[in-house]
Amino acid sequence: MKIAILKLRGILLTSIQDDLSDQDALDFQRDVLQKITDTEFNGLVIDITAMDVVDSFMARVINDTAIQAKMLGTRVILCGMQPAVALTLIEMGRELLGVETALNIDQAFNRLEMLINEQEV
């Protein structure tokens, strides 16, 4: 399954709309990191609004993707986490270490634009 990665207002946006197999999750991670190295942009928003369930592997892939993107110099915001997903992550003892979050895509874009503007000053 191919997940779209769009460039909007100088920011990459990707939205996970379906449950992913382990291989789909790894392909997603590879595609995002490849797009980061191939594209001129200012940040990355990963939208997980449609995800009702996150297992420990998917949590690790999301966390690793964000950390690797940061290592490539990209600011990353994860948005749209459902309360049940947050609760599941806590119950599993999985933290999204070093990953900034936002309630929705609008807040994620606003936060990234603010961070980018601060960096330019």
PDB file of N, CA and C in Angstrom:
ATOM      1  N   MET A   1       0.845  -1.164   0.000  1.00  0.00           N
ATOM      2  CA  MET A   1       0.000   0.000   0.000  1.00  0.00           C
ATOM      3  C   MET A   1       0.897   1.235   0.000  1.00  0.00           C
ATOM      4  N   LYS A   2       0.650   2.143  -0.899  1.00  0.00           N
ATOM      5  CA  LYS A   2       1.435   3.371  -1.006  1.00  0.00           C
ATOM      6  C   LYS A   2       0.679   4.493  -0.295  1.00  0.00           C
ATOM      7  N   ILE A   3       1.367   5.189   0.608  1.00  0.00           N
ATOM      8  CA  ILE A   3       0.767   6.313   1.332  1.00  0.00           C
ATOM      9  C   ILE A   3       1.274   7.598   0.703  1.00  0.00           C
ATOM     10  N   ALA A   4       0.332   8.469   0.363  1.00  0.00           N
ATOM     11  CA  ALA A   4       0.679   9.731  -0.295  1.00  0.00           C
ATOM     12  C   ALA A   4       1.476  10.629   0.648  1.00  0.00           C
ATOM     13  N   ILE A   5       2.450  11.323   0.072  1.00  0.00           N
ATOM     14  CA  ILE A   5       3.239  12.321   0.790  1.00  0.00           C
ATOM     15  C   ILE A   5       3.141  13.592  -0.043  1.00  0.00           C
ATOM     16  N   LEU A   6       2.433  14.579   0.478  1.00  0.00           N
ATOM     17  CA  LEU A   6       2.155  15.809  -0.247  1.00  0.00           C
ATOM     18  C   LEU A   6       3.025  16.943   0.265  1.00  0.00           C
ATOM     19  N   LYS A   7       3.297  17.906  -0.602  1.00  0.00           N
ATOM     20  CA  LYS A   7       4.023  19.105  -0.192  1.00  0.00           C
ATOM     21  C   LYS A   7       3.038  20.276  -0.224  1.00  0.00           C
ATOM     22  N   LEU A   8       2.759  20.849   0.941  1.00  0.00           N
ATOM     23  CA  LEU A   8       1.841  21.972   1.068  1.00  0.00           C
ATOM     24  C   LEU A   8       2.514  23.087   1.857  1.00  0.00           C
ATOM     25  N   ARG A   9       2.515  24.289   1.298  1.00  0.00           N
ATOM     26  CA  ARG A   9       3.088  25.460   1.977  1.00  0.00           C
ATOM     27  C   ARG A   9       4.506  25.178   2.480  1.00  0.00           C
ATOM     28  N   GLY A  10       5.286  24.464   1.695  1.00  0.00           N
ATOM     29  CA  GLY A  10       6.663  24.181   2.061  1.00  0.00           C
ATOM     30  C   GLY A  10       6.823  23.112   3.127  1.00  0.00           C
ATOM     31  N   ILE A  11       5.743  22.383   3.411  1.00  0.00           N
ATOM     32  CA  ILE A  11       5.756  21.345   4.450  1.00  0.00           C
ATOM     33  C   ILE A  11       5.256  20.040   3.832  1.00  0.00           C
ATOM     34  N   LEU A  12       5.910  18.932   4.172  1.00  0.00           N
ATOM     35  CA  LEU A  12       5.436  17.627   3.733  1.00  0.00           C
ATOM     36  C   LEU A  12       4.315  17.172   4.655  1.00  0.00           C
ATOM     37  N   LEU A  13       3.250  16.632   4.060  1.00  0.00           N
ATOM     38  CA  LEU A  13       2.108  16.116   4.815  1.00  0.00           C
ATOM     39  C   LEU A  13       1.843  14.697   4.371  1.00  0.00           C
ATOM     40  N   THR A  14       1.743  13.800   5.333  1.00  0.00           N
ATOM     41  CA  THR A  14       1.359  12.425   5.042  1.00  0.00           C
ATOM     42  C   THR A  14       0.299  12.007   6.050  1.00  0.00           C
ATOM     43  N   SER A  15      -0.653  11.229   5.585  1.00  0.00           N
ATOM     44  CA  SER A  15      -1.762  10.819   6.426  1.00  0.00           C
ATOM     45  C   SER A  15      -1.949   9.314   6.303  1.00  0.00           C
ATOM     46  N   ILE A  16      -1.880   8.630   7.428  1.00  0.00           N
ATOM     47  CA  ILE A  16      -2.072   7.183   7.452  1.00  0.00           C
ATOM     48  C   ILE A  16      -3.570   6.936   7.621  1.00  0.00           C
ATOM     49  N   GLN A  17      -4.207   6.399   6.586  1.00  0.00           N
ATOM     50  CA  GLN A  17      -5.657   6.253   6.562  1.00  0.00           C
ATOM     51  C   GLN A  17      -6.150   4.848   6.898  1.00  0.00           C
ATOM     52  N   ASP A  18      -5.293   3.867   6.828  1.00  0.00           N
ATOM     53  CA  ASP A  18      -5.691   2.477   7.065  1.00  0.00           C
ATOM     54  C   ASP A  18      -4.697   1.809   7.995  1.00  0.00           C
ATOM     55  N   ASP A  19      -5.123   0.671   8.554  1.00  0.00           N
ATOM     56  CA  ASP A  19      -4.171  -0.138   9.313  1.00  0.00           C
ATOM     57  C   ASP A  19      -3.104  -0.627   8.338  1.00  0.00           C
ATOM     58  N   LEU A  20      -1.860  -0.607   8.787  1.00  0.00           N
ATOM     59  CA  LEU A  20      -0.756  -1.009   7.932  1.00  0.00           C
ATOM     60  C   LEU A  20      -0.189  -2.343   8.397  1.00  0.00           C
ATOM     61  N   SER A  21       0.178  -3.154   7.433  1.00  0.00           N
ATOM     62  CA  SER A  21       0.941  -4.360   7.773  1.00  0.00           C
ATOM     63  C   SER A  21       2.330  -3.899   8.192  1.00  0.00           C
ATOM     64  N   ASP A  22       3.097  -4.786   8.778  1.00  0.00           N
ATOM     65  CA  ASP A  22       4.457  -4.425   9.175  1.00  0.00           C
ATOM     66  C   ASP A  22       5.272  -3.973   7.963  1.00  0.00           C
ATOM     67  N   GLN A  23       5.119  -4.671   6.839  1.00  0.00           N
ATOM     68  CA  GLN A  23       5.862  -4.281   5.635  1.00  0.00           C
ATOM     69  C   GLN A  23       5.398  -2.939   5.113  1.00  0.00           C
ATOM     70  N   ASP A  24       4.081  -2.668   5.143  1.00  0.00           N
ATOM     71  CA  ASP A  24       3.561  -1.359   4.719  1.00  0.00           C
ATOM     72  C   ASP A  24       4.134  -0.247   5.592  1.00  0.00           C
ATOM     73  N   ALA A  25       4.243  -0.507   6.889  1.00  0.00           N
ATOM     74  CA  ALA A  25       4.788   0.500   7.812  1.00  0.00           C
ATOM     75  C   ALA A  25       6.251   0.789   7.487  1.00  0.00           C
ATOM     76  N   LEU A  26       7.017  -0.249   7.200  1.00  0.00           N
ATOM     77  CA  LEU A  26       8.422  -0.048   6.838  1.00  0.00           C
ATOM     78  C   LEU A  26       8.558   0.657   5.488  1.00  0.00           C
ATOM     79  N   ASP A  27       7.677   0.327   4.544  1.00  0.00           N
ATOM     80  CA  ASP A  27       7.681   1.016   3.249  1.00  0.00           C
ATOM     81  C   ASP A  27       7.344   2.487   3.430  1.00  0.00           C
ATOM     82  N   PHE A  28       6.367   2.775   4.297  1.00  0.00           N
ATOM     83  CA  PHE A  28       5.992   4.156   4.610  1.00  0.00           C
ATOM     84  C   PHE A  28       7.200   4.917   5.164  1.00  0.00           C
ATOM     85  N   GLN A  29       7.888   4.298   6.105  1.00  0.00           N
ATOM     86  CA  GLN A  29       9.059   4.934   6.704  1.00  0.00           C
ATOM     87  C   GLN A  29      10.123   5.222   5.638  1.00  0.00           C
ATOM     88  N   ARG A  30      10.410   4.252   4.801  1.00  0.00           N
ATOM     89  CA  ARG A  30      11.393   4.424   3.738  1.00  0.00           C
ATOM     90  C   ARG A  30      10.977   5.545   2.786  1.00  0.00           C
ATOM     91  N   ASP A  31       9.695   5.562   2.388  1.00  0.00           N
ATOM     92  CA  ASP A  31       9.209   6.575   1.452  1.00  0.00           C
ATOM     93  C   ASP A  31       9.299   7.982   2.043  1.00  0.00           C
ATOM     94  N   VAL A  32       8.940   8.134   3.310  1.00  0.00           N
ATOM     95  CA  VAL A  32       9.013   9.450   3.959  1.00  0.00           C
ATOM     96  C   VAL A  32      10.455   9.933   4.006  1.00  0.00           C
ATOM     97  N   LEU A  33      11.355   9.067   4.431  1.00  0.00           N
ATOM     98  CA  LEU A  33      12.757   9.473   4.542  1.00  0.00           C
ATOM     99  C   LEU A  33      13.363   9.762   3.175  1.00  0.00           C
ATOM    100  N   GLN A  34      12.963   9.007   2.163  1.00  0.00           N
ATOM    101  CA  GLN A  34      13.450   9.275   0.806  1.00  0.00           C
ATOM    102  C   GLN A  34      12.928  10.618   0.308  1.00  0.00           C
ATOM    103  N   LYS A  35      11.663  10.912   0.580  1.00  0.00           N
ATOM    104  CA  LYS A  35      11.070  12.193   0.156  1.00  0.00           C
ATOM    105  C   LYS A  35      11.787  13.357   0.844  1.00  0.00           C
ATOM    106  N   ILE A  36      12.155  13.174   2.099  1.00  0.00           N
ATOM    107  CA  ILE A  36      12.885  14.216   2.829  1.00  0.00           C
ATOM    108  C   ILE A  36      14.207  14.528   2.131  1.00  0.00           C
ATOM    109  N   THR A  37      14.903  13.495   1.692  1.00  0.00           N
ATOM    110  CA  THR A  37      16.198  13.727   1.059  1.00  0.00           C
ATOM    111  C   THR A  37      16.062  14.235  -0.375  1.00  0.00           C
ATOM    112  N   ASP A  38      14.899  14.025  -1.002  1.00  0.00           N
ATOM    113  CA  ASP A  38      14.705  14.417  -2.396  1.00  0.00           C
ATOM    114  C   ASP A  38      14.007  15.769  -2.568  1.00  0.00           C
ATOM    115  N   THR A  39      13.427  16.316  -1.515  1.00  0.00           N
ATOM    116  CA  THR A  39      12.533  17.461  -1.638  1.00  0.00           C
ATOM    117  C   THR A  39      13.016  18.629  -0.795  1.00  0.00           C
ATOM    118  N   GLU A  40      12.808  19.831  -1.305  1.00  0.00           N
ATOM    119  CA  GLU A  40      13.105  21.039  -0.533  1.00  0.00           C
ATOM    120  C   GLU A  40      11.840  21.434   0.233  1.00  0.00           C
ATOM    121  N   PHE A  41      11.909  21.442   1.556  1.00  0.00           N
ATOM    122  CA  PHE A  41      10.744  21.738   2.387  1.00  0.00           C
ATOM    123  C   PHE A  41      11.206  22.174   3.760  1.00  0.00           C
ATOM    124  N   ASN A  42      10.258  22.534   4.611  1.00  0.00           N
ATOM    125  CA  ASN A  42      10.594  23.063   5.929  1.00  0.00           C
ATOM    126  C   ASN A  42      10.168  22.192   7.105  1.00  0.00           C
ATOM    127  N   GLY A  43       9.390  21.150   6.876  1.00  0.00           N
ATOM    128  CA  GLY A  43       8.932  20.320   7.979  1.00  0.00           C
ATOM    129  C   GLY A  43       8.106  19.147   7.485  1.00  0.00           C
ATOM    130  N   LEU A  44       7.681  18.306   8.434  1.00  0.00           N
ATOM    131  CA  LEU A  44       6.899  17.110   8.134  1.00  0.00           C
ATOM    132  C   LEU A  44       5.766  16.999   9.139  1.00  0.00           C
ATOM    133  N   VAL A  45       4.554  16.789   8.625  1.00  0.00           N
ATOM    134  CA  VAL A  45       3.386  16.514   9.461  1.00  0.00           C
ATOM    135  C   VAL A  45       2.940  15.090   9.145  1.00  0.00           C
ATOM    136  N   ILE A  46       2.829  14.271  10.191  1.00  0.00           N
ATOM    137  CA  ILE A  46       2.304  12.911  10.055  1.00  0.00           C
ATOM    138  C   ILE A  46       0.950  12.889  10.736  1.00  0.00           C
ATOM    139  N   ASP A  47      -0.101  12.704   9.943  1.00  0.00           N
ATOM    140  CA  ASP A  47      -1.479  12.695  10.455  1.00  0.00           C
ATOM    141  C   ASP A  47      -1.923  11.256  10.689  1.00  0.00           C
ATOM    142  N   ILE A  48      -2.318  10.951  11.928  1.00  0.00           N
ATOM    143  CA  ILE A  48      -2.789   9.598  12.247  1.00  0.00           C
ATOM    144  C   ILE A  48      -4.242   9.622  12.720  1.00  0.00           C
ATOM    145  N   THR A  49      -5.001  10.630  12.287  1.00  0.00           N
ATOM    146  CA  THR A  49      -6.392  10.779  12.706  1.00  0.00           C
ATOM    147  C   THR A  49      -7.208   9.516  12.463  1.00  0.00           C
ATOM    148  N   ALA A  50      -6.984   8.845  11.347  1.00  0.00           N
ATOM    149  CA  ALA A  50      -7.794   7.680  10.984  1.00  0.00           C
ATOM    150  C   ALA A  50      -7.387   6.410  11.721  1.00  0.00           C
ATOM    151  N   MET A  51      -6.301   6.448  12.466  1.00  0.00           N
ATOM    152  CA  MET A  51      -5.841   5.238  13.155  1.00  0.00           C
ATOM    153  C   MET A  51      -6.574   5.063  14.478  1.00  0.00           C
ATOM    154  N   ASP A  52      -7.319   3.956  14.584  1.00  0.00           N
ATOM    155  CA  ASP A  52      -8.039   3.646  15.815  1.00  0.00           C
ATOM    156  C   ASP A  52      -7.201   2.798  16.761  1.00  0.00           C
ATOM    157  N   VAL A  53      -6.240   2.076  16.194  1.00  0.00           N
ATOM    158  CA  VAL A  53      -5.417   1.156  16.970  1.00  0.00           C
ATOM    159  C   VAL A  53      -3.970   1.303  16.527  1.00  0.00           C
ATOM    160  N   VAL A  54      -3.059   1.303  17.488  1.00  0.00           N
ATOM    161  CA  VAL A  54      -1.629   1.319  17.194  1.00  0.00           C
ATOM    162  C   VAL A  54      -0.980   0.222  18.026  1.00  0.00           C
ATOM    163  N   ASP A  55      -0.306  -0.695  17.343  1.00  0.00           N
ATOM    164  CA  ASP A  55       0.417  -1.729  18.083  1.00  0.00           C
ATOM    165  C   ASP A  55       1.833  -1.233  18.371  1.00  0.00           C
ATOM    166  N   SER A  56       2.589  -2.002  19.113  1.00  0.00           N
ATOM    167  CA  SER A  56       3.916  -1.545  19.519  1.00  0.00           C
ATOM    168  C   SER A  56       4.852  -1.394  18.318  1.00  0.00           C
ATOM    169  N   PHE A  57       4.695  -2.234  17.289  1.00  0.00           N
ATOM    170  CA  PHE A  57       5.544  -2.110  16.105  1.00  0.00           C
ATOM    171  C   PHE A  57       5.260  -0.800  15.385  1.00  0.00           C
ATOM    172  N   MET A  58       3.978  -0.472  15.183  1.00  0.00           N
ATOM    173  CA  MET A  58       3.624   0.774  14.495  1.00  0.00           C
ATOM    174  C   MET A  58       4.065   1.981  15.310  1.00  0.00           C
ATOM    175  N   ALA A  59       3.928   1.913  16.621  1.00  0.00           N
ATOM    176  CA  ALA A  59       4.401   3.007  17.473  1.00  0.00           C
ATOM    177  C   ALA A  59       5.902   3.195  17.295  1.00  0.00           C
ATOM    178  N   ARG A  60       6.642   2.100  17.235  1.00  0.00           N
ATOM    179  CA  ARG A  60       8.088   2.193  17.040  1.00  0.00           C
ATOM    180  C   ARG A  60       8.428   2.774  15.672  1.00  0.00           C
ATOM    181  N   VAL A  61       7.712   2.359  14.632  1.00  0.00           N
ATOM    182  CA  VAL A  61       7.965   2.881  13.288  1.00  0.00           C
ATOM    183  C   VAL A  61       7.702   4.384  13.235  1.00  0.00           C
ATOM    184  N   ILE A  62       6.601   4.836  13.817  1.00  0.00           N
ATOM    185  CA  ILE A  62       6.290   6.264  13.831  1.00  0.00           C
ATOM    186  C   ILE A  62       7.367   7.028  14.585  1.00  0.00           C
ATOM    187  N   ASN A  63       7.737   6.522  15.760  1.00  0.00           N
ATOM    188  CA  ASN A  63       8.764   7.178  16.569  1.00  0.00           C
ATOM    189  C   ASN A  63      10.107   7.205  15.830  1.00  0.00           C
ATOM    190  N   ASP A  64      10.507   6.073  15.267  1.00  0.00           N
ATOM    191  CA  ASP A  64      11.780   6.005  14.546  1.00  0.00           C
ATOM    192  C   ASP A  64      11.784   6.909  13.317  1.00  0.00           C
ATOM    193  N   THR A  65      10.655   6.967  12.614  1.00  0.00           N
ATOM    194  CA  THR A  65      10.557   7.831  11.437  1.00  0.00           C
ATOM    195  C   THR A  65      10.756   9.288  11.842  1.00  0.00           C
ATOM    196  N   ALA A  66      10.099   9.690  12.919  1.00  0.00           N
ATOM    197  CA  ALA A  66      10.235  11.078  13.392  1.00  0.00           C
ATOM    198  C   ALA A  66      11.673  11.376  13.817  1.00  0.00           C
ATOM    199  N   ILE A  67      12.294  10.456  14.530  1.00  0.00           N
ATOM    200  CA  ILE A  67      13.674  10.667  14.984  1.00  0.00           C
ATOM    201  C   ILE A  67      14.626  10.724  13.791  1.00  0.00           C
ATOM    202  N   GLN A  68      14.454   9.826  12.840  1.00  0.00           N
ATOM    203  CA  GLN A  68      15.319   9.819  11.662  1.00  0.00           C
ATOM    204  C   GLN A  68      15.123  11.084  10.833  1.00  0.00           C
ATOM    205  N   ALA A  69      13.881  11.543  10.714  1.00  0.00           N
ATOM    206  CA  ALA A  69      13.616  12.795   9.988  1.00  0.00           C
ATOM    207  C   ALA A  69      14.291  13.966  10.692  1.00  0.00           C
ATOM    208  N   LYS A  70      14.242  13.973  12.021  1.00  0.00           N
ATOM    209  CA  LYS A  70      14.924  15.030  12.784  1.00  0.00           C
ATOM    210  C   LYS A  70      16.430  14.970  12.557  1.00  0.00           C
ATOM    211  N   MET A  71      16.979  13.770  12.462  1.00  0.00           N
ATOM    212  CA  MET A  71      18.413  13.619  12.212  1.00  0.00           C
ATOM    213  C   MET A  71      18.788  14.172  10.833  1.00  0.00           C
ATOM    214  N   LEU A  72      17.825  14.197   9.920  1.00  0.00           N
ATOM    215  CA  LEU A  72      18.044  14.756   8.589  1.00  0.00           C
ATOM    216  C   LEU A  72      17.750  16.262   8.556  1.00  0.00           C
ATOM    217  N   GLY A  73      17.480  16.842   9.742  1.00  0.00           N
ATOM    218  CA  GLY A  73      17.269  18.282   9.836  1.00  0.00           C
ATOM    219  C   GLY A  73      15.839  18.734   9.630  1.00  0.00           C
ATOM    220  N   THR A  74      14.897  17.838   9.802  1.00  0.00           N
ATOM    221  CA  THR A  74      13.491  18.137   9.566  1.00  0.00           C
ATOM    222  C   THR A  74      12.717  18.237  10.872  1.00  0.00           C
ATOM    223  N   ARG A  75      11.932  19.275  10.998  1.00  0.00           N
ATOM    224  CA  ARG A  75      11.024  19.378  12.146  1.00  0.00           C
ATOM    225  C   ARG A  75       9.802  18.521  11.858  1.00  0.00           C
ATOM    226  N   VAL A  76       9.355  17.752  12.869  1.00  0.00           N
ATOM    227  CA  VAL A  76       8.269  16.791  12.683  1.00  0.00           C
ATOM    228  C   VAL A  76       7.189  17.030  13.727  1.00  0.00           C
ATOM    229  N   ILE A  77       5.928  17.005  13.270  1.00  0.00           N
ATOM    230  CA  ILE A  77       4.779  17.073  14.169  1.00  0.00           C
ATOM    231  C   ILE A  77       3.863  15.901  13.833  1.00  0.00           C
ATOM    232  N   LEU A  78       3.475  15.146  14.857  1.00  0.00           N
ATOM    233  CA  LEU A  78       2.500  14.069  14.728  1.00  0.00           C
ATOM    234  C   LEU A  78       1.161  14.630  15.168  1.00  0.00           C
ATOM    235  N   CYS A  79       0.131  14.470  14.350  1.00  0.00           N
ATOM    236  CA  CYS A  79      -1.159  15.049  14.728  1.00  0.00           C
ATOM    237  C   CYS A  79      -2.286  14.044  14.580  1.00  0.00           C
ATOM    238  N   GLY A  80      -3.391  14.358  15.251  1.00  0.00           N
ATOM    239  CA  GLY A  80      -4.620  13.584  15.118  1.00  0.00           C
ATOM    240  C   GLY A  80      -4.699  12.321  15.946  1.00  0.00           C
ATOM    241  N   MET A  81      -3.874  12.213  16.969  1.00  0.00           N
ATOM    242  CA  MET A  81      -3.902  10.995  17.780  1.00  0.00           C
ATOM    243  C   MET A  81      -5.232  10.895  18.529  1.00  0.00           C
ATOM    244  N   GLN A  82      -5.899   9.772  18.348  1.00  0.00           N
ATOM    245  CA  GLN A  82      -7.159   9.521  19.037  1.00  0.00           C
ATOM    246  C   GLN A  82      -6.884   9.188  20.505  1.00  0.00           C
ATOM    247  N   PRO A  83      -7.808   9.540  21.412  1.00  0.00           N
ATOM    248  CA  PRO A  83      -7.603   9.236  22.835  1.00  0.00           C
ATOM    249  C   PRO A  83      -7.326   7.759  23.100  1.00  0.00           C
ATOM    250  N   ALA A  84      -8.012   6.879  22.388  1.00  0.00           N
ATOM    251  CA  ALA A  84      -7.795   5.439  22.601  1.00  0.00           C
ATOM    252  C   ALA A  84      -6.381   5.032  22.207  1.00  0.00           C
ATOM    253  N   VAL A  85      -5.840   5.669  21.173  1.00  0.00           N
ATOM    254  CA  VAL A  85      -4.474   5.369  20.748  1.00  0.00           C
ATOM    255  C   VAL A  85      -3.490   5.840  21.810  1.00  0.00           C
ATOM    256  N   ALA A  86      -3.698   7.051  22.323  1.00  0.00           N
ATOM    257  CA  ALA A  86      -2.825   7.573  23.382  1.00  0.00           C
ATOM    258  C   ALA A  86      -2.869   6.668  24.604  1.00  0.00           C
ATOM    259  N   LEU A  87      -4.055   6.250  24.988  1.00  0.00           N
ATOM    260  CA  LEU A  87      -4.212   5.368  26.142  1.00  0.00           C
ATOM    261  C   LEU A  87      -3.507   4.034  25.912  1.00  0.00           C
ATOM    262  N   THR A  88      -3.664   3.476  24.729  1.00  0.00           N
ATOM    263  CA  THR A  88      -3.007   2.210  24.401  1.00  0.00           C
ATOM    264  C   THR A  88      -1.490   2.342  24.477  1.00  0.00           C
ATOM    265  N   LEU A  89      -0.955   3.430  23.936  1.00  0.00           N
ATOM    266  CA  LEU A  89       0.496   3.633  23.984  1.00  0.00           C
ATOM    267  C   LEU A  89       0.986   3.695  25.424  1.00  0.00           C
ATOM    268  N   ILE A  90       0.251   4.381  26.259  1.00  0.00           N
ATOM    269  CA  ILE A  90       0.648   4.501  27.672  1.00  0.00           C
ATOM    270  C   ILE A  90       0.565   3.141  28.358  1.00  0.00           C
ATOM    271  N   GLU A  91      -0.512   2.418  28.114  1.00  0.00           N
ATOM    272  CA  GLU A  91      -0.670   1.101  28.734  1.00  0.00           C
ATOM    273  C   GLU A  91       0.419   0.133  28.288  1.00  0.00           C
ATOM    274  N   MET A  92       0.893   0.268  27.026  1.00  0.00           N
ATOM    275  CA  MET A  92       1.959  -0.596  26.518  1.00  0.00           C
ATOM    276  C   MET A  92       3.329  -0.130  26.998  1.00  0.00           C
ATOM    277  N   GLY A  93       3.381   1.050  27.600  1.00  0.00           N
ATOM    278  CA  GLY A  93       4.662   1.588  28.027  1.00  0.00           C
ATOM    279  C   GLY A  93       5.462   2.161  26.876  1.00  0.00           C
ATOM    280  N   ARG A  94       4.800   2.461  25.750  1.00  0.00           N
ATOM    281  CA  ARG A  94       5.466   3.031  24.577  1.00  0.00           C
ATOM    282  C   ARG A  94       5.287   4.539  24.609  1.00  0.00           C
ATOM    283  N   GLU A  95       6.389   5.224  24.582  1.00  0.00           N
ATOM    284  CA  GLU A  95       6.344   6.678  24.495  1.00  0.00           C
ATOM    285  C   GLU A  95       6.849   7.085  23.128  1.00  0.00           C
ATOM    286  N   LEU A  96       6.288   8.156  22.599  1.00  0.00           N
ATOM    287  CA  LEU A  96       6.793   8.719  21.356  1.00  0.00           C
ATOM    288  C   LEU A  96       7.833   9.751  21.753  1.00  0.00           C
ATOM    289  N   LEU A  97       9.043   9.284  21.997  1.00  0.00           N
ATOM    290  CA  LEU A  97      10.106  10.118  22.525  1.00  0.00           C
ATOM    291  C   LEU A  97      10.560  11.156  21.514  1.00  0.00           C
ATOM    292  N   GLY A  98      10.579  12.392  21.939  1.00  0.00           N
ATOM    293  CA  GLY A  98      11.078  13.466  21.096  1.00  0.00           C
ATOM    294  C   GLY A  98      10.183  13.819  19.933  1.00  0.00           C
ATOM    295  N   VAL A  99       8.940  13.356  19.957  1.00  0.00           N
ATOM    296  CA  VAL A  99       8.006  13.646  18.871  1.00  0.00           C
ATOM    297  C   VAL A  99       7.015  14.688  19.354  1.00  0.00           C
ATOM    298  N   GLU A 100       6.975  15.823  18.655  1.00  0.00           N
ATOM    299  CA  GLU A 100       5.998  16.844  18.993  1.00  0.00           C
ATOM    300  C   GLU A 100       4.644  16.423  18.454  1.00  0.00           C
ATOM    301  N   THR A 101       3.589  16.807  19.162  1.00  0.00           N
ATOM    302  CA  THR A 101       2.243  16.432  18.747  1.00  0.00           C
ATOM    303  C   THR A 101       1.356  17.657  18.646  1.00  0.00           C
ATOM    304  N   ALA A 102       0.275  17.499  17.883  1.00  0.00           N
ATOM    305  CA  ALA A 102      -0.746  18.533  17.759  1.00  0.00           C
ATOM    306  C   ALA A 102      -2.093  17.830  17.642  1.00  0.00           C
ATOM    307  N   LEU A 103      -3.133  18.563  17.980  1.00  0.00           N
ATOM    308  CA  LEU A 103      -4.483  17.988  17.953  1.00  0.00           C
ATOM    309  C   LEU A 103      -4.936  17.663  16.531  1.00  0.00           C
ATOM    310  N   ASN A 104      -4.631  18.567  15.582  1.00  0.00           N
ATOM    311  CA  ASN A 104      -5.110  18.374  14.206  1.00  0.00           C
ATOM    312  C   ASN A 104      -4.101  18.970  13.220  1.00  0.00           C
ATOM    313  N   ILE A 105      -4.413  18.847  11.938  1.00  0.00           N
ATOM    314  CA  ILE A 105      -3.487  19.304  10.896  1.00  0.00           C
ATOM    315  C   ILE A 105      -3.284  20.819  10.965  1.00  0.00           C
ATOM    316  N   ASP A 106      -4.351  21.577  11.188  1.00  0.00           N
ATOM    317  CA  ASP A 106      -4.207  23.037  11.292  1.00  0.00           C
ATOM    318  C   ASP A 106      -3.216  23.423  12.381  1.00  0.00           C
ATOM    319  N   GLN A 107      -3.375  22.839  13.564  1.00  0.00           N
ATOM    320  CA  GLN A 107      -2.462  23.151  14.665  1.00  0.00           C
ATOM    321  C   GLN A 107      -1.038  22.706  14.337  1.00  0.00           C
ATOM    322  N   ALA A 108      -0.904  21.577  13.664  1.00  0.00           N
ATOM    323  CA  ALA A 108       0.425  21.079  13.298  1.00  0.00           C
ATOM    324  C   ALA A 108       1.107  22.049  12.333  1.00  0.00           C
ATOM    325  N   PHE A 109       0.382  22.508  11.318  1.00  0.00           N
ATOM    326  CA  PHE A 109       0.955  23.461  10.367  1.00  0.00           C
ATOM    327  C   PHE A 109       1.300  24.772  11.057  1.00  0.00           C
ATOM    328  N   ASN A 110       0.407  25.261  11.911  1.00  0.00           N
ATOM    329  CA  ASN A 110       0.677  26.511  12.625  1.00  0.00           C
ATOM    330  C   ASN A 110       1.918  26.380  13.500  1.00  0.00           C
ATOM    331  N   ARG A 111       2.044  25.267  14.203  1.00  0.00           N
ATOM    332  CA  ARG A 111       3.208  25.042  15.072  1.00  0.00           C
ATOM    333  C   ARG A 111       4.492  24.972  14.253  1.00  0.00           C
ATOM    334  N   LEU A 112       4.457  24.252  13.147  1.00  0.00           N
ATOM    335  CA  LEU A 112       5.649  24.152  12.307  1.00  0.00           C
ATOM    336  C   LEU A 112       6.033  25.510  11.733  1.00  0.00           C
ATOM    337  N   GLU A 113       5.063  26.270  11.269  1.00  0.00           N
ATOM    338  CA  GLU A 113       5.362  27.594  10.718  1.00  0.00           C
ATOM    339  C   GLU A 113       5.965  28.501  11.790  1.00  0.00           C
ATOM    340  N   MET A 114       5.466  28.405  13.022  1.00  0.00           N
ATOM    341  CA  MET A 114       6.016  29.192  14.115  1.00  0.00           C
ATOM    342  C   MET A 114       7.472  28.779  14.388  1.00  0.00           C
ATOM    343  N   LEU A 115       7.728  27.475  14.427  1.00  0.00           N
ATOM    344  CA  LEU A 115       9.088  26.977  14.663  1.00  0.00           C
ATOM    345  C   LEU A 115      10.033  27.404  13.536  1.00  0.00           C
ATOM    346  N   ILE A 116       9.553  27.350  12.313  1.00  0.00           N
ATOM    347  CA  ILE A 116      10.371  27.726  11.160  1.00  0.00           C
ATOM    348  C   ILE A 116      10.698  29.219  11.217  1.00  0.00           C
ATOM    349  N   ASN A 117       9.697  30.030  11.547  1.00  0.00           N
ATOM    350  CA  ASN A 117       9.918  31.476  11.645  1.00  0.00           C
ATOM    351  C   ASN A 117      10.901  31.814  12.764  1.00  0.00           C
ATOM    352  N   GLU A 118      10.818  31.119  13.889  1.00  0.00           N
ATOM    353  CA  GLU A 118      11.766  31.329  15.000  1.00  0.00           C
ATOM    354  C   GLU A 118      13.179  30.989  14.556  1.00  0.00           C
ATOM    355  N   GLN A 119      13.320  29.936  13.768  1.00  0.00           N
ATOM    356  CA  GLN A 119      14.626  29.487  13.312  1.00  0.00           C
ATOM    357  C   GLN A 119      15.239  30.514  12.352  1.00  0.00           C
ATOM    358  N   GLU A 120      14.405  31.192  11.554  1.00  0.00           N
ATOM    359  CA  GLU A 120      14.899  32.156  10.584  1.00  0.00           C
ATOM    360  C   GLU A 120      15.340  33.451  11.224  1.00  0.00           C
ATOM    361  N   VAL A 121      14.865  33.731  12.431  1.00  0.00           N
ATOM    362  CA  VAL A 121      15.217  35.003  13.098  1.00  0.00           C
ATOM    363  C   VAL A 121      16.606  34.998  13.627  1.00  0.00           C
TER     364      VAL A 121
END
